[in-house]
Amino acid sequence: MTPEETRRDALTLLDQTTASADLDWSSPGDPVSKGCSEGVRYQYMVHAPVTSKQDELADSLSKFWRSRGLEVERSQQDFGSKYGTVFGATAKADGKAGAALEITNGNALVFVNSQCVAGSPDDE
């Protein structure tokens, strides 16, 4: 794949992910380019306010990623009454864009990473 194809693939996964959860998601903006073993990968990030049912949102997004053929690993940690429980997940598969989430008692963050392809983070 070319860098442009990997960016488009990652953005498609992000768009499908946010469409699967009825929240007021931020705009992803331009991707951040990062070096990787084969050259470059691109990352998009969005966030949305969330004040209830964080566990259901984490379950729903994890289920969505599994339906797209990604292997999902979930986690959660209770940070006490001040911060509540933080839900996390990573979603990966060879040859596909991957994703991650972090859901707190006030915000949901979703990150999508493109595949690593030949190129340089300085090439734009």
Protein backbone atom coordinates (compact mmCIF):
# COMPACT_ATOMS: atom_id res chain seq x y z
CA MET A 1 0.00 0.00 0.00
CA THR A 2 1.04 3.57 -0.53
CA PRO A 3 1.11 6.13 2.29
CA GLU A 4 -2.04 7.73 0.84
CA GLU A 5 -3.85 4.37 0.77
CA THR A 6 -2.91 3.64 4.38
CA ARG A 7 -4.13 7.09 5.50
CA ARG A 8 -7.41 6.54 3.67
CA ASP A 9 -7.77 3.04 5.16
CA ALA A 10 -7.18 4.37 8.70
CA LEU A 11 -9.59 7.26 8.21
CA THR A 12 -12.26 4.84 6.94
CA LEU A 13 -11.88 2.72 10.08
CA LEU A 14 -12.11 5.84 12.22
CA ASP A 15 -15.23 7.08 10.41
CA GLN A 16 -16.90 3.68 10.73
CA THR A 17 -15.95 3.46 14.42
CA THR A 18 -17.37 6.87 15.31
CA ALA A 19 -20.51 6.21 13.25
CA SER A 20 -21.10 3.07 15.34
CA ALA A 21 -21.37 5.14 18.56
CA ASP A 22 -23.87 7.99 18.73
CA LEU A 23 -21.65 10.61 20.40
CA ASP A 24 -20.57 14.16 19.58
CA TRP A 25 -17.14 13.21 18.18
CA SER A 26 -14.51 15.83 17.41
CA SER A 27 -13.07 16.20 13.91
CA PRO A 28 -10.01 14.01 13.32
CA GLY A 29 -8.01 16.71 11.55
CA ASP A 30 -4.77 15.82 9.80
CA PRO A 31 -3.01 12.61 10.81
CA VAL A 32 0.19 12.56 12.85
CA SER A 33 2.97 10.70 11.05
CA LYS A 34 5.25 8.45 13.08
CA GLY A 35 8.28 6.38 12.17
CA CYS A 36 7.88 2.60 12.29
CA SER A 37 9.91 -0.50 11.36
CA GLU A 38 9.12 -0.28 7.64
CA GLY A 39 8.96 3.50 7.33
CA VAL A 40 5.90 5.48 8.38
CA ARG A 41 2.45 5.08 9.89
CA TYR A 42 -0.31 7.64 10.43
CA GLN A 43 -2.45 8.19 13.50
CA TYR A 44 -5.81 9.90 13.86
CA MET A 45 -7.43 10.76 17.19
CA VAL A 46 -10.93 11.91 18.11
CA HIS A 47 -12.71 12.49 21.40
CA ALA A 48 -16.25 12.91 22.65
CA PRO A 49 -17.82 13.79 25.99
CA VAL A 50 -19.34 10.83 27.79
CA THR A 51 -20.92 10.88 31.23
CA SER A 52 -22.60 7.50 31.61
CA LYS A 53 -22.53 3.90 30.39
CA GLN A 54 -18.79 3.95 29.74
CA ASP A 55 -18.61 0.16 30.05
CA GLU A 56 -21.35 -0.28 27.44
CA LEU A 57 -19.52 2.07 25.07
CA ALA A 58 -16.27 0.12 25.53
CA ASP A 59 -18.15 -3.13 24.88
CA SER A 60 -19.88 -1.70 21.80
CA LEU A 61 -16.70 -0.35 20.20
CA SER A 62 -14.82 -3.57 20.97
CA LYS A 63 -17.61 -5.61 19.39
CA PHE A 64 -17.58 -3.33 16.33
CA TRP A 65 -13.82 -3.80 15.85
CA ARG A 66 -14.16 -7.58 16.21
CA SER A 67 -16.83 -7.49 13.49
CA ARG A 68 -14.19 -5.88 11.24
CA GLY A 69 -11.76 -8.76 11.80
CA LEU A 70 -9.60 -7.08 14.43
CA GLU A 71 -8.31 -8.89 17.53
CA VAL A 72 -9.37 -6.86 20.57
CA GLU A 73 -7.83 -6.80 24.04
CA ARG A 74 -9.85 -5.02 26.75
CA SER A 75 -8.80 -3.59 30.09
CA GLN A 76 -10.28 -1.55 32.88
CA GLN A 77 -8.91 -0.06 36.06
CA ASP A 78 -10.68 1.60 38.96
CA PHE A 79 -8.97 4.83 40.00
CA GLY A 80 -11.32 5.48 42.91
CA SER A 81 -14.10 7.97 43.47
CA LYS A 82 -12.17 10.96 42.15
CA TYR A 83 -11.44 9.51 38.68
CA GLY A 84 -13.68 6.46 38.39
CA THR A 85 -13.02 3.47 36.18
CA VAL A 86 -10.98 3.89 33.01
CA PHE A 87 -11.81 1.48 30.19
CA GLY A 88 -9.26 0.69 27.50
CA ALA A 89 -8.96 -1.51 24.44
CA THR A 90 -6.59 -2.15 21.57
CA ALA A 91 -7.61 -3.65 18.24
CA LYS A 92 -5.10 -5.14 15.79
CA ALA A 93 -4.85 -7.38 12.75
CA ASP A 94 -2.09 -8.04 10.26
CA GLY A 95 -2.58 -6.06 7.07
CA LYS A 96 -5.18 -3.69 8.53
CA ALA A 97 -5.38 -0.38 10.34
CA GLY A 98 -5.52 -0.78 14.12
CA ALA A 99 -7.31 1.14 16.83
CA ALA A 100 -7.36 1.90 20.54
CA LEU A 101 -9.75 3.51 22.98
CA GLU A 102 -9.69 5.07 26.40
CA ILE A 103 -12.94 5.93 28.14
CA THR A 104 -13.03 7.87 31.40
CA ASN A 105 -15.89 9.29 33.46
CA GLY A 106 -15.90 12.38 31.23
CA ASN A 107 -14.36 11.61 27.86
CA ALA A 108 -13.98 8.93 25.20
CA LEU A 109 -10.79 8.91 23.11
CA VAL A 110 -10.36 6.81 19.98
CA PHE A 111 -7.04 6.43 18.18
CA VAL A 112 -6.61 4.77 14.79
CA ASN A 113 -3.20 3.82 13.40
CA SER A 114 -2.56 3.02 9.76
CA GLN A 115 -0.42 0.12 8.65
CA CYS A 116 3.30 0.73 8.53
CA VAL A 117 4.43 1.39 4.94
CA ALA A 118 7.55 2.48 3.11
CA GLY A 119 8.10 6.20 3.49
CA SER A 120 9.27 8.77 5.97
CA PRO A 121 7.44 10.81 8.61
CA ASP A 122 9.03 13.87 6.96
CA ASP A 123 7.35 13.15 3.59
CA GLU A 124 4.20 15.21 3.30
